[in-house]
Amino acid sequence: MFFTDDLIDLLVYYTNTNAAKVMENALLQKSARIKRWKDTSRKEIYAYFGVLIYIGLHKEPAIVDYWKEGSVYTPKHPIGQYISRNRFQAIDLYLYCEDPSQSATFTTPFKRIWNVSESLQKACRRYYTPGTHLAVDESIKRFTGRAKEIVNIPSKPTPEGFKMWILANEGYVLDWLFHAKGQGKGPYRVDSYWTKEEDFTPTEAVVLDLLLRKQEEGPHLKPNHHIVWVDNLFSLIRLFERLREEGIGAAGTVRTSRTKREEGLAKALK
């Protein structure tokens, strides 16, 4: 439902193209695994994702443990029936989510997965009708590879990975925005209307974008049907008033100092 055949076929094409590009341009030893590469297929990519999900649910010390025969004291994992370890690692190495010919324009890792991300966002909206209570908060999506956008926040349940802004309801993720790390950066591709036309900060625009963005697919948030809960980063009078204009209630934790500053601003505006 989320990874449709059309989306998987695109990943198959991009992965095969990427592997061929590496084979053509790189100086590889005769024993290099890529020399034995053969084009992947839709069935293999589905198997690859199935193994990823399995690995996420059943933890083992090393990747090779999932393909061991097992013993009286260790489990025998079934994934070897569907894909070999060498093949899994080869696909893992050369999996590509965008056209490899455009790789020179990938200035951020988020651009490398943008079309896949948008496809999944539409599916998340399409298959779920949100209830009354929504939440907007930051989240860390686990990633342990090499990328300049990785953050490490030890206090988080998942300390290392990509920072994202999440719109959720009862544990279900409806929508998200990536967050670019560094000075002068912030929410990635947040709708500029909120910052340029209505003069909200990029951080404040996160809530407005996630709640009010136009959706091509899936149910829109109906006026007077929802309340969004936020933490003190978003607990701002002006933001809450703007949401109420759209028929969305808002509530959240506050800091005393911020409350006083906001009260002073509200009086000044009056």
C-alpha atoms as a PDB file:
ATOM      1  CA  MET A   1       0.000   0.000   0.000  1.00  0.00           C
ATOM      2  CA  PHE A   2       2.857   2.382   0.780  1.00  0.00           C
ATOM      3  CA  PHE A   3       5.616   0.993  -1.449  1.00  0.00           C
ATOM      4  CA  THR A   4       3.582   0.517  -4.612  1.00  0.00           C
ATOM      5  CA  ASP A   5       4.743  -1.467  -7.642  1.00  0.00           C
ATOM      6  CA  ASP A   6       5.288   1.787  -9.546  1.00  0.00           C
ATOM      7  CA  LEU A   7       7.513   3.160  -6.789  1.00  0.00           C
ATOM      8  CA  ILE A   8       9.467  -0.094  -6.499  1.00  0.00           C
ATOM      9  CA  ASP A   9       9.968  -0.205 -10.274  1.00  0.00           C
ATOM     10  CA  LEU A  10      11.529   3.265 -10.075  1.00  0.00           C
ATOM     11  CA  LEU A  11      13.880   2.103  -7.313  1.00  0.00           C
ATOM     12  CA  VAL A  12      14.825  -0.927  -9.423  1.00  0.00           C
ATOM     13  CA  TYR A  13      15.683   1.305 -12.388  1.00  0.00           C
ATOM     14  CA  TYR A  14      17.670   3.807 -10.300  1.00  0.00           C
ATOM     15  CA  THR A  15      19.568   1.041  -8.468  1.00  0.00           C
ATOM     16  CA  ASN A  16      20.537  -0.787 -11.642  1.00  0.00           C
ATOM     17  CA  THR A  17      21.575   2.488 -13.262  1.00  0.00           C
ATOM     18  CA  ASN A  18      23.682   3.405 -10.257  1.00  0.00           C
ATOM     19  CA  ALA A  19      25.437   0.026 -10.190  1.00  0.00           C
ATOM     20  CA  ALA A  20      26.207   0.268 -13.914  1.00  0.00           C
ATOM     21  CA  LYS A  21      27.561   3.777 -13.412  1.00  0.00           C
ATOM     22  CA  VAL A  22      29.893   2.609 -10.635  1.00  0.00           C
ATOM     23  CA  MET A  23      31.113  -0.327 -12.708  1.00  0.00           C
ATOM     24  CA  GLU A  24      31.842   1.972 -15.634  1.00  0.00           C
ATOM     25  CA  ASN A  25      33.666   4.725 -13.752  1.00  0.00           C
ATOM     26  CA  ALA A  26      35.404   3.058 -10.807  1.00  0.00           C
ATOM     27  CA  LEU A  27      38.735   1.239 -10.831  1.00  0.00           C
ATOM     28  CA  LEU A  28      37.702  -2.023  -9.199  1.00  0.00           C
ATOM     29  CA  GLN A  29      39.680  -5.074  -8.241  1.00  0.00           C
ATOM     30  CA  LYS A  30      38.754  -8.312  -9.953  1.00  0.00           C
ATOM     31  CA  SER A  31      37.444  -9.685  -6.669  1.00  0.00           C
ATOM     32  CA  ALA A  32      35.210  -6.654  -5.989  1.00  0.00           C
ATOM     33  CA  ARG A  33      31.637  -7.676  -5.230  1.00  0.00           C
ATOM     34  CA  ILE A  34      30.242  -5.142  -7.697  1.00  0.00           C
ATOM     35  CA  LYS A  35      31.963  -7.048 -10.525  1.00  0.00           C
ATOM     36  CA  ARG A  36      29.499  -9.851  -9.857  1.00  0.00           C
ATOM     37  CA  TRP A  37      26.517  -7.499  -9.886  1.00  0.00           C
ATOM     38  CA  LYS A  38      23.456  -8.514 -11.858  1.00  0.00           C
ATOM     39  CA  ASP A  39      20.428  -6.313 -12.348  1.00  0.00           C
ATOM     40  CA  THR A  40      17.963  -6.441  -9.486  1.00  0.00           C
ATOM     41  CA  SER A  41      14.199  -6.822  -9.808  1.00  0.00           C
ATOM     42  CA  ARG A  42      10.969  -5.794  -8.139  1.00  0.00           C
ATOM     43  CA  LYS A  43      10.843  -9.114  -6.250  1.00  0.00           C
ATOM     44  CA  GLU A  44      14.361  -8.596  -4.851  1.00  0.00           C
ATOM     45  CA  ILE A  45      13.704  -5.023  -3.749  1.00  0.00           C
ATOM     46  CA  TYR A  46      10.570  -6.159  -1.907  1.00  0.00           C
ATOM     47  CA  ALA A  47      12.642  -8.894  -0.259  1.00  0.00           C
ATOM     48  CA  TYR A  48      15.300  -6.325   0.659  1.00  0.00           C
ATOM     49  CA  PHE A  49      12.742  -4.111   2.414  1.00  0.00           C
ATOM     50  CA  GLY A  50      11.232  -7.138   4.113  1.00  0.00           C
ATOM     51  CA  VAL A  51      14.652  -8.000   5.562  1.00  0.00           C
ATOM     52  CA  LEU A  52      15.107  -4.411   6.761  1.00  0.00           C
ATOM     53  CA  ILE A  53      11.806  -4.596   8.631  1.00  0.00           C
ATOM     54  CA  TYR A  54      12.725  -7.985  10.084  1.00  0.00           C
ATOM     55  CA  ILE A  55      16.107  -6.700  11.253  1.00  0.00           C
ATOM     56  CA  GLY A  56      14.396  -3.744  12.908  1.00  0.00           C
ATOM     57  CA  LEU A  57      12.121  -6.080  14.872  1.00  0.00           C
ATOM     58  CA  HIS A  58      14.679  -8.746  15.795  1.00  0.00           C
ATOM     59  CA  LYS A  59      18.052  -7.415  16.964  1.00  0.00           C
ATOM     60  CA  GLU A  60      21.265  -9.370  16.454  1.00  0.00           C
ATOM     61  CA  PRO A  61      24.868  -8.296  17.218  1.00  0.00           C
ATOM     62  CA  ALA A  62      26.038  -8.481  13.576  1.00  0.00           C
ATOM     63  CA  ILE A  63      24.471  -8.626  10.126  1.00  0.00           C
ATOM     64  CA  VAL A  64      25.983 -12.052   9.421  1.00  0.00           C
ATOM     65  CA  ASP A  65      24.012 -13.529  12.339  1.00  0.00           C
ATOM     66  CA  TYR A  66      20.775 -13.302  10.354  1.00  0.00           C
ATOM     67  CA  TRP A  67      22.078 -15.844   7.837  1.00  0.00           C
ATOM     68  CA  LYS A  68      23.648 -18.321  10.271  1.00  0.00           C
ATOM     69  CA  GLU A  69      22.187 -21.799  10.552  1.00  0.00           C
ATOM     70  CA  GLY A  70      21.392 -21.363  14.222  1.00  0.00           C
ATOM     71  CA  SER A  71      21.815 -23.770  17.109  1.00  0.00           C
ATOM     72  CA  VAL A  72      20.162 -24.857  20.338  1.00  0.00           C
ATOM     73  CA  TYR A  73      20.957 -21.451  21.817  1.00  0.00           C
ATOM     74  CA  THR A  74      20.502 -19.164  18.786  1.00  0.00           C
ATOM     75  CA  PRO A  75      17.531 -18.734  16.449  1.00  0.00           C
ATOM     76  CA  LYS A  76      17.497 -19.736  12.817  1.00  0.00           C
ATOM     77  CA  HIS A  77      16.226 -16.778  10.842  1.00  0.00           C
ATOM     78  CA  PRO A  78      14.020 -17.440   7.783  1.00  0.00           C
ATOM     79  CA  ILE A  79      15.248 -14.531   5.645  1.00  0.00           C
ATOM     80  CA  GLY A  80      17.876 -16.686   3.904  1.00  0.00           C
ATOM     81  CA  GLN A  81      15.006 -18.342   2.030  1.00  0.00           C
ATOM     82  CA  TYR A  82      14.264 -15.074   0.256  1.00  0.00           C
ATOM     83  CA  ILE A  83      17.605 -13.340  -0.289  1.00  0.00           C
ATOM     84  CA  SER A  84      21.259 -14.217   0.368  1.00  0.00           C
ATOM     85  CA  ARG A  85      23.507 -12.125   2.593  1.00  0.00           C
ATOM     86  CA  ASN A  86      25.827 -11.125  -0.253  1.00  0.00           C
ATOM     87  CA  ARG A  87      22.900 -10.079  -2.413  1.00  0.00           C
ATOM     88  CA  PHE A  88      21.293  -8.126   0.436  1.00  0.00           C
ATOM     89  CA  GLN A  89      24.542  -6.249   1.108  1.00  0.00           C
ATOM     90  CA  ALA A  90      25.063  -5.546  -2.595  1.00  0.00           C
ATOM     91  CA  ILE A  91      21.589  -4.014  -2.919  1.00  0.00           C
ATOM     92  CA  ASP A  92      22.123  -2.147   0.337  1.00  0.00           C
ATOM     93  CA  LEU A  93      25.307  -0.648  -1.105  1.00  0.00           C
ATOM     94  CA  TYR A  94      23.906   0.481  -4.453  1.00  0.00           C
ATOM     95  CA  LEU A  95      20.240   1.194  -3.696  1.00  0.00           C
ATOM     96  CA  TYR A  96      19.346   4.581  -5.190  1.00  0.00           C
ATOM     97  CA  CYS A  97      16.130   6.552  -4.727  1.00  0.00           C
ATOM     98  CA  GLU A  98      16.651   9.209  -7.420  1.00  0.00           C
ATOM     99  CA  ASP A  99      18.086   9.367 -10.932  1.00  0.00           C
ATOM    100  CA  PRO A 100      21.880   8.839 -10.553  1.00  0.00           C
ATOM    101  CA  SER A 101      22.506  11.175 -13.491  1.00  0.00           C
ATOM    102  CA  GLN A 102      21.307  14.025 -11.256  1.00  0.00           C
ATOM    103  CA  SER A 103      23.670  13.159  -8.382  1.00  0.00           C
ATOM    104  CA  ALA A 104      25.760  16.303  -8.959  1.00  0.00           C
ATOM    105  CA  THR A 105      22.755  18.406  -7.885  1.00  0.00           C
ATOM    106  CA  PHE A 106      22.246  16.531  -4.607  1.00  0.00           C
ATOM    107  CA  THR A 107      23.442  19.211  -2.180  1.00  0.00           C
ATOM    108  CA  THR A 108      21.588  17.608   0.722  1.00  0.00           C
ATOM    109  CA  PRO A 109      20.721  13.972   1.554  1.00  0.00           C
ATOM    110  CA  PHE A 110      17.051  14.970   1.706  1.00  0.00           C
ATOM    111  CA  LYS A 111      17.042  15.687  -2.021  1.00  0.00           C
ATOM    112  CA  ARG A 112      18.207  12.133  -2.655  1.00  0.00           C
ATOM    113  CA  ILE A 113      14.958  10.725  -1.255  1.00  0.00           C
ATOM    114  CA  TRP A 114      12.549  13.585  -1.955  1.00  0.00           C
ATOM    115  CA  ASN A 115      10.284  11.834  -4.490  1.00  0.00           C
ATOM    116  CA  VAL A 116      10.090   8.686  -2.347  1.00  0.00           C
ATOM    117  CA  SER A 117       9.274  10.822   0.686  1.00  0.00           C
ATOM    118  CA  GLU A 118       6.478  12.642  -1.146  1.00  0.00           C
ATOM    119  CA  SER A 119       5.018   9.355  -2.368  1.00  0.00           C
ATOM    120  CA  LEU A 120       4.948   7.971   1.178  1.00  0.00           C
ATOM    121  CA  GLN A 121       3.434  11.182   2.561  1.00  0.00           C
ATOM    122  CA  LYS A 122       0.529  10.941   0.129  1.00  0.00           C
ATOM    123  CA  ALA A 123      -0.033   7.320   1.163  1.00  0.00           C
ATOM    124  CA  CYS A 124       0.026   8.254   4.859  1.00  0.00           C
ATOM    125  CA  ARG A 125      -2.745  10.789   4.264  1.00  0.00           C
ATOM    126  CA  ARG A 126      -4.697   8.529   1.926  1.00  0.00           C
ATOM    127  CA  TYR A 127      -5.095   5.572   4.285  1.00  0.00           C
ATOM    128  CA  TYR A 128      -5.885   7.321   7.558  1.00  0.00           C
ATOM    129  CA  THR A 129      -8.623   9.620   8.775  1.00  0.00           C
ATOM    130  CA  PRO A 130      -7.163  11.636  11.678  1.00  0.00           C
ATOM    131  CA  GLY A 131      -8.986  11.948  14.982  1.00  0.00           C
ATOM    132  CA  THR A 132      -9.501  15.037  17.125  1.00  0.00           C
ATOM    133  CA  HIS A 133      -6.147  15.268  18.886  1.00  0.00           C
ATOM    134  CA  LEU A 134      -3.104  15.914  16.712  1.00  0.00           C
ATOM    135  CA  ALA A 135       0.491  16.563  17.730  1.00  0.00           C
ATOM    136  CA  VAL A 136       3.399  18.386  16.109  1.00  0.00           C
ATOM    137  CA  ASP A 137       6.835  17.649  17.529  1.00  0.00           C
ATOM    138  CA  GLU A 138      10.407  16.913  16.528  1.00  0.00           C
ATOM    139  CA  SER A 139      11.603  13.364  15.972  1.00  0.00           C
ATOM    140  CA  ILE A 140      14.897  11.656  15.209  1.00  0.00           C
ATOM    141  CA  LYS A 141      14.802   9.082  12.423  1.00  0.00           C
ATOM    142  CA  ARG A 142      17.609   6.587  12.920  1.00  0.00           C
ATOM    143  CA  PHE A 143      20.493   6.742  10.447  1.00  0.00           C
ATOM    144  CA  THR A 144      24.034   5.594  11.196  1.00  0.00           C
ATOM    145  CA  GLY A 145      25.638   6.148   7.800  1.00  0.00           C
ATOM    146  CA  ARG A 146      27.638   9.164   6.704  1.00  0.00           C
ATOM    147  CA  ALA A 147      25.748  12.402   6.033  1.00  0.00           C
ATOM    148  CA  LYS A 148      26.308  16.012   7.016  1.00  0.00           C
ATOM    149  CA  GLU A 149      22.722  16.389   8.247  1.00  0.00           C
ATOM    150  CA  ILE A 150      23.025  13.748  10.984  1.00  0.00           C
ATOM    151  CA  VAL A 151      22.333  14.996  14.520  1.00  0.00           C
ATOM    152  CA  ASN A 152      23.157  13.325  17.813  1.00  0.00           C
ATOM    153  CA  ILE A 153      20.889  14.123  20.772  1.00  0.00           C
ATOM    154  CA  PRO A 154      21.659  11.666  23.614  1.00  0.00           C
ATOM    155  CA  SER A 155      18.435  12.476  25.482  1.00  0.00           C
ATOM    156  CA  LYS A 156      16.264  11.167  22.615  1.00  0.00           C
ATOM    157  CA  PRO A 157      15.034   7.542  22.464  1.00  0.00           C
ATOM    158  CA  THR A 158      16.742   7.359  19.068  1.00  0.00           C
ATOM    159  CA  PRO A 159      19.760   9.619  19.604  1.00  0.00           C
ATOM    160  CA  GLU A 160      21.432   9.519  16.170  1.00  0.00           C
ATOM    161  CA  GLY A 161      19.919  10.213  12.786  1.00  0.00           C
ATOM    162  CA  PHE A 162      17.986  12.845  10.850  1.00  0.00           C
ATOM    163  CA  LYS A 163      15.894  15.448  12.633  1.00  0.00           C
ATOM    164  CA  MET A 164      12.337  15.744  11.342  1.00  0.00           C
ATOM    165  CA  TRP A 165       9.154  17.587  12.243  1.00  0.00           C
ATOM    166  CA  ILE A 166       6.216  15.210  12.571  1.00  0.00           C
ATOM    167  CA  LEU A 167       2.429  15.617  12.424  1.00  0.00           C
ATOM    168  CA  ALA A 168       0.868  12.614  14.161  1.00  0.00           C
ATOM    169  CA  ASN A 169      -2.348  11.261  15.626  1.00  0.00           C
ATOM    170  CA  GLU A 170      -2.509   8.394  18.127  1.00  0.00           C
ATOM    171  CA  GLY A 171       0.952   7.164  17.139  1.00  0.00           C
ATOM    172  CA  TYR A 172       0.280   7.325  13.384  1.00  0.00           C
ATOM    173  CA  VAL A 173       2.469   9.703  11.342  1.00  0.00           C
ATOM    174  CA  LEU A 174       0.387  11.792   8.946  1.00  0.00           C
ATOM    175  CA  ASP A 175       3.046  14.084   7.522  1.00  0.00           C
ATOM    176  CA  TRP A 176       6.600  15.324   8.069  1.00  0.00           C
ATOM    177  CA  LEU A 177       9.253  17.887   7.196  1.00  0.00           C
ATOM    178  CA  PHE A 178      13.002  17.303   7.177  1.00  0.00           C
ATOM    179  CA  HIS A 179      15.263  19.626   9.182  1.00  0.00           C
ATOM    180  CA  ALA A 180      18.543  20.838   7.711  1.00  0.00           C
ATOM    181  CA  LYS A 181      21.290  21.223  10.294  1.00  0.00           C
ATOM    182  CA  GLY A 182      23.503  24.307  10.462  1.00  0.00           C
ATOM    183  CA  GLN A 183      23.530  28.070  10.730  1.00  0.00           C
ATOM    184  CA  GLY A 184      20.898  29.761   8.589  1.00  0.00           C
ATOM    185  CA  LYS A 185      19.165  26.475   7.759  1.00  0.00           C
ATOM    186  CA  GLY A 186      16.119  24.845   9.303  1.00  0.00           C
ATOM    187  CA  PRO A 187      12.942  23.124   8.060  1.00  0.00           C
ATOM    188  CA  TYR A 188      13.687  21.808   4.561  1.00  0.00           C
ATOM    189  CA  ARG A 189      11.346  23.057   1.839  1.00  0.00           C
ATOM    190  CA  VAL A 190       8.829  24.541   4.251  1.00  0.00           C
ATOM    191  CA  ASP A 191       6.222  26.571   2.354  1.00  0.00           C
ATOM    192  CA  SER A 192       7.722  30.047   1.914  1.00  0.00           C
ATOM    193  CA  TYR A 193       4.247  31.618   1.954  1.00  0.00           C
ATOM    194  CA  TRP A 194       4.187  31.539   5.749  1.00  0.00           C
ATOM    195  CA  THR A 195       7.536  33.298   6.130  1.00  0.00           C
ATOM    196  CA  LYS A 196       7.295  35.785   3.260  1.00  0.00           C
ATOM    197  CA  GLU A 197       3.596  36.648   3.130  1.00  0.00           C
ATOM    198  CA  GLU A 198       2.577  36.252   6.793  1.00  0.00           C
ATOM    199  CA  ASP A 199       5.955  36.953   8.436  1.00  0.00           C
ATOM    200  CA  PHE A 200       6.159  33.817  10.580  1.00  0.00           C
ATOM    201  CA  THR A 201       9.570  32.412  11.467  1.00  0.00           C
ATOM    202  CA  PRO A 202      10.620  29.160   9.708  1.00  0.00           C
ATOM    203  CA  THR A 203      10.085  27.261  12.973  1.00  0.00           C
ATOM    204  CA  GLU A 204       6.564  28.646  13.426  1.00  0.00           C
ATOM    205  CA  ALA A 205       5.860  27.896   9.772  1.00  0.00           C
ATOM    206  CA  VAL A 206       6.431  24.178  10.472  1.00  0.00           C
ATOM    207  CA  VAL A 207       3.109  23.902  12.328  1.00  0.00           C
ATOM    208  CA  LEU A 208       1.214  25.911   9.714  1.00  0.00           C
ATOM    209  CA  ASP A 209       2.708  23.997   6.813  1.00  0.00           C
ATOM    210  CA  LEU A 210       2.013  20.549   8.279  1.00  0.00           C
ATOM    211  CA  LEU A 211      -1.550  21.389   9.290  1.00  0.00           C
ATOM    212  CA  LEU A 212      -2.677  23.577   6.404  1.00  0.00           C
ATOM    213  CA  ARG A 213      -0.704  22.401   3.365  1.00  0.00           C
ATOM    214  CA  LYS A 214      -2.802  21.521   0.357  1.00  0.00           C
ATOM    215  CA  GLN A 215      -3.145  17.771  -0.080  1.00  0.00           C
ATOM    216  CA  GLU A 216      -3.665  16.219  -3.491  1.00  0.00           C
ATOM    217  CA  GLU A 217      -4.618  12.935  -1.887  1.00  0.00           C
ATOM    218  CA  GLY A 218      -6.271  11.897   1.331  1.00  0.00           C
ATOM    219  CA  PRO A 219      -8.695  13.763   3.586  1.00  0.00           C
ATOM    220  CA  HIS A 220      -8.034  17.384   4.448  1.00  0.00           C
ATOM    221  CA  LEU A 221      -8.247  18.521   8.052  1.00  0.00           C
ATOM    222  CA  LYS A 222     -11.788  19.742   8.506  1.00  0.00           C
ATOM    223  CA  PRO A 223     -12.406  23.050  10.348  1.00  0.00           C
ATOM    224  CA  ASN A 224     -13.670  22.737  13.933  1.00  0.00           C
ATOM    225  CA  HIS A 225     -12.698  19.056  14.139  1.00  0.00           C
ATOM    226  CA  HIS A 226      -9.126  19.103  15.461  1.00  0.00           C
ATOM    227  CA  ILE A 227      -6.872  20.301  18.272  1.00  0.00           C
ATOM    228  CA  VAL A 228      -3.102  20.308  17.860  1.00  0.00           C
ATOM    229  CA  TRP A 229      -0.854  19.789  20.886  1.00  0.00           C
ATOM    230  CA  VAL A 230       2.656  21.263  20.871  1.00  0.00           C
ATOM    231  CA  ASP A 231       5.549  21.899  23.276  1.00  0.00           C
ATOM    232  CA  ASN A 232       6.869  25.285  24.379  1.00  0.00           C
ATOM    233  CA  LEU A 233       8.813  25.796  21.150  1.00  0.00           C
ATOM    234  CA  PHE A 234       5.509  26.440  19.342  1.00  0.00           C
ATOM    235  CA  SER A 235       3.345  27.813  22.177  1.00  0.00           C
ATOM    236  CA  LEU A 236       2.921  31.294  20.732  1.00  0.00           C
ATOM    237  CA  ILE A 237      -0.207  33.434  20.916  1.00  0.00           C
ATOM    238  CA  ARG A 238       0.101  34.697  17.352  1.00  0.00           C
ATOM    239  CA  LEU A 239       0.492  31.172  15.994  1.00  0.00           C
ATOM    240  CA  PHE A 240      -2.475  29.880  17.977  1.00  0.00           C
ATOM    241  CA  GLU A 241      -4.645  32.758  16.776  1.00  0.00           C
ATOM    242  CA  ARG A 242      -3.733  32.028  13.171  1.00  0.00           C
ATOM    243  CA  LEU A 243      -4.662  28.369  13.583  1.00  0.00           C
ATOM    244  CA  ARG A 244      -7.977  29.325  15.169  1.00  0.00           C
ATOM    245  CA  GLU A 245      -8.772  31.376  12.064  1.00  0.00           C
ATOM    246  CA  GLU A 246      -8.581  28.072  10.182  1.00  0.00           C
ATOM    247  CA  GLY A 247     -10.813  26.295  12.709  1.00  0.00           C
ATOM    248  CA  ILE A 248      -7.993  24.384  14.439  1.00  0.00           C
ATOM    249  CA  GLY A 249      -7.606  24.615  18.201  1.00  0.00           C
ATOM    250  CA  ALA A 250      -4.139  24.566  19.778  1.00  0.00           C
ATOM    251  CA  ALA A 251      -2.692  23.959  23.229  1.00  0.00           C
ATOM    252  CA  GLY A 252       0.660  23.135  24.740  1.00  0.00           C
ATOM    253  CA  THR A 253       3.249  23.674  27.427  1.00  0.00           C
ATOM    254  CA  VAL A 254       4.672  27.171  27.940  1.00  0.00           C
ATOM    255  CA  ARG A 255       7.600  28.942  29.544  1.00  0.00           C
ATOM    256  CA  THR A 256       6.782  31.783  31.921  1.00  0.00           C
ATOM    257  CA  SER A 257       9.330  34.069  30.269  1.00  0.00           C
ATOM    258  CA  ARG A 258       7.898  33.403  26.845  1.00  0.00           C
ATOM    259  CA  THR A 259       4.365  34.008  28.082  1.00  0.00           C
ATOM    260  CA  LYS A 260       5.292  37.469  29.348  1.00  0.00           C
ATOM    261  CA  ARG A 261       7.011  38.373  26.093  1.00  0.00           C
ATOM    262  CA  GLU A 262       4.020  37.207  24.080  1.00  0.00           C
ATOM    263  CA  GLU A 263       1.615  39.158  26.291  1.00  0.00           C
ATOM    264  CA  GLY A 264       3.669  42.274  25.737  1.00  0.00           C
ATOM    265  CA  LEU A 265       3.622  41.717  21.995  1.00  0.00           C
ATOM    266  CA  ALA A 266      -0.142  41.177  21.994  1.00  0.00           C
ATOM    267  CA  LYS A 267      -0.702  44.429  23.891  1.00  0.00           C
ATOM    268  CA  ALA A 268       1.569  46.288  21.511  1.00  0.00           C
ATOM    269  CA  LEU A 269      -0.325  44.959  18.495  1.00  0.00           C
ATOM    270  CA  LYS A 270      -3.634  46.116  19.981  1.00  0.00           C
END
